[in-house]
Protein backbone atom coordinates (compact mmCIF):
# COMPACT_ATOMS: atom_id res chain seq x y z
CA ASP A 1 42.12 5.44 52.83
CA ILE A 2 38.97 4.17 54.17
CA ALA A 3 37.08 4.44 51.29
CA LYS A 4 39.12 3.82 48.84
CA SER A 5 40.41 0.21 50.67
CA PHE A 6 36.37 -0.74 50.99
CA LEU A 7 35.85 -0.04 47.31
CA GLU A 8 38.66 -2.24 46.17
CA GLU A 9 37.76 -4.88 48.49
CA TYR A 10 34.34 -4.96 46.98
CA LYS A 11 35.26 -4.52 43.66
CA THR A 12 32.68 -1.71 43.29
CA GLN A 13 32.83 1.95 42.54
CA SER A 14 31.36 5.07 44.45
CA ASN A 15 28.42 6.79 43.12
CA LEU A 16 28.92 9.94 45.21
CA ASN A 17 29.46 11.68 42.46
CA LYS A 18 26.44 10.67 40.46
CA ILE A 19 24.35 11.35 43.24
CA ILE A 20 25.84 14.96 44.24
CA VAL A 21 25.47 15.85 40.59
CA ASN A 22 22.01 14.42 40.09
CA GLY A 23 21.29 16.12 43.75
CA PHE A 24 22.20 19.79 42.26
CA LYS A 25 19.97 19.47 39.12
CA ALA A 26 17.01 18.16 40.94
CA LEU A 27 17.22 20.94 43.39
CA GLY A 28 18.10 23.21 40.50
CA LEU A 29 21.40 24.38 42.16
CA GLN A 30 24.68 25.48 40.72
CA TYR A 31 27.73 26.56 41.07
CA PHE A 32 29.50 29.75 40.53
CA PHE A 33 33.60 30.61 42.41
CA THR A 34 35.31 34.04 43.52
CA VAL A 35 38.75 33.91 43.55
CA GLY A 36 41.44 35.82 45.21
CA ALA A 37 45.08 35.86 45.74
CA ASP A 38 45.21 32.83 47.68
CA GLU A 39 42.03 31.13 47.79
CA VAL A 40 39.13 29.84 45.36
CA ARG A 41 35.68 29.51 46.69
CA ALA A 42 32.60 28.13 45.35
CA TRP A 43 29.42 29.11 45.90
CA THR A 44 25.54 27.56 45.67
CA ILE A 45 22.81 29.18 43.91
CA GLN A 46 19.76 28.73 42.31
CA LYS A 47 19.61 28.48 38.98
CA HIS A 48 18.50 31.94 37.47
CA THR A 49 20.21 34.01 40.08
CA LYS A 50 20.58 37.52 39.18
CA ALA A 51 24.38 38.74 39.63
CA PRO A 52 23.31 41.26 42.66
CA GLN A 53 21.23 38.09 44.47
CA ALA A 54 24.55 35.75 44.17
CA ALA A 55 26.67 38.21 45.23
CA GLY A 56 24.53 38.23 48.51
CA LYS A 57 25.38 35.20 49.11
CA ILE A 58 28.59 36.12 49.78
CA HIS A 59 27.45 39.36 51.91
CA SER A 60 24.84 41.11 52.10
CA ASP A 61 26.40 44.58 51.56
CA MET A 62 27.47 43.01 48.02
CA GLU A 63 23.80 43.05 46.90
CA ARG A 64 23.10 45.96 48.58
CA GLY A 65 25.97 47.94 47.26
CA PHE A 66 26.22 46.10 43.65
CA ILE A 67 27.45 47.53 40.73
CA LYS A 68 28.68 45.13 38.17
CA ALA A 69 30.35 41.61 38.01
CA GLU A 70 33.23 41.08 35.48
CA VAL A 71 32.80 37.55 34.96
CA TYR A 72 34.49 34.84 32.59
CA LYS A 73 33.74 30.77 32.83
CA TYR A 74 35.64 28.10 34.67
CA ASP A 75 36.49 26.42 31.13
CA ASP A 76 38.22 29.67 30.17
CA ILE A 77 40.83 29.78 32.52
CA VAL A 78 41.26 25.91 32.10
CA GLU A 79 41.57 26.48 28.37
CA HIS A 80 43.89 30.06 28.74
CA LYS A 81 45.42 29.10 32.10
CA SER A 82 45.67 32.70 33.08
CA GLU A 83 43.22 35.24 34.17
CA GLY A 84 45.36 37.92 31.62
CA ALA A 85 45.14 35.24 28.73
CA VAL A 86 41.33 34.47 29.23
CA LYS A 87 41.24 38.88 28.92
CA ALA A 88 43.45 38.56 25.61
CA ALA A 89 40.74 36.20 24.39
CA GLY A 90 38.10 38.43 24.63
CA ARG A 91 36.46 36.15 27.47
CA TYR A 92 36.28 38.41 30.10
CA ARG A 93 33.50 40.83 30.38
CA MET A 94 31.41 43.00 32.67
CA GLU A 95 28.13 42.32 33.63
CA CYS A 96 24.75 44.49 34.84
CA LYS A 97 22.53 43.99 37.66
CA ASN A 98 20.51 42.11 35.35
CA TYR A 99 22.87 39.39 34.68
CA GLU A 100 21.84 35.61 35.27
CA VAL A 101 24.93 33.83 36.74
CA GLN A 102 25.76 30.90 34.66
CA ASP A 103 26.62 26.97 36.39
CA GLY A 104 30.50 27.83 36.41
CA ASP A 105 30.80 31.65 36.19
CA ILE A 106 34.00 33.23 37.89
CA LEU A 107 32.87 36.42 39.25
CA MET A 108 34.67 39.07 40.81
CA ILE A 109 32.09 41.72 42.43
CA LYS A 110 32.45 45.00 42.27
CA PHE A 111 30.12 47.04 44.81
CA ASN A 112 29.65 50.02 47.00
CA VAL A 113 27.73 50.72 49.85
CA THR A 114 27.47 54.14 51.73
CA ASP A 115 26.26 54.77 55.25
CA ALA A 116 22.48 56.05 54.99
CA LYS A 117 22.43 59.49 55.51
CA LYS A 118 21.42 60.28 59.26
CA LYS A 119 18.33 62.31 60.42
């Protein structure tokens, strides 16, 4: 790895992680996650974003047909090791349209979109 050898050669450290964290803070950004059977994805949103608008980052239909979000924290899955254990510990919850997504939330969005009535 070129970057690693450069840092070792010049006996220095990278500040890239610090720059990213401080940049996110300065811009008022945060992450939330979605989890599937074979994929985990991080989504970037502004702080104070409500659940339907966060869902809209994934797809506009999810915002339009938002019903609820099933939510747990990243730290909870690290601690309890599985979604089932998070539920058993009472850390898995349902949130409505007024929920303000928090940094590190893992969301399962429930939505339903029907076709507009034909005239």
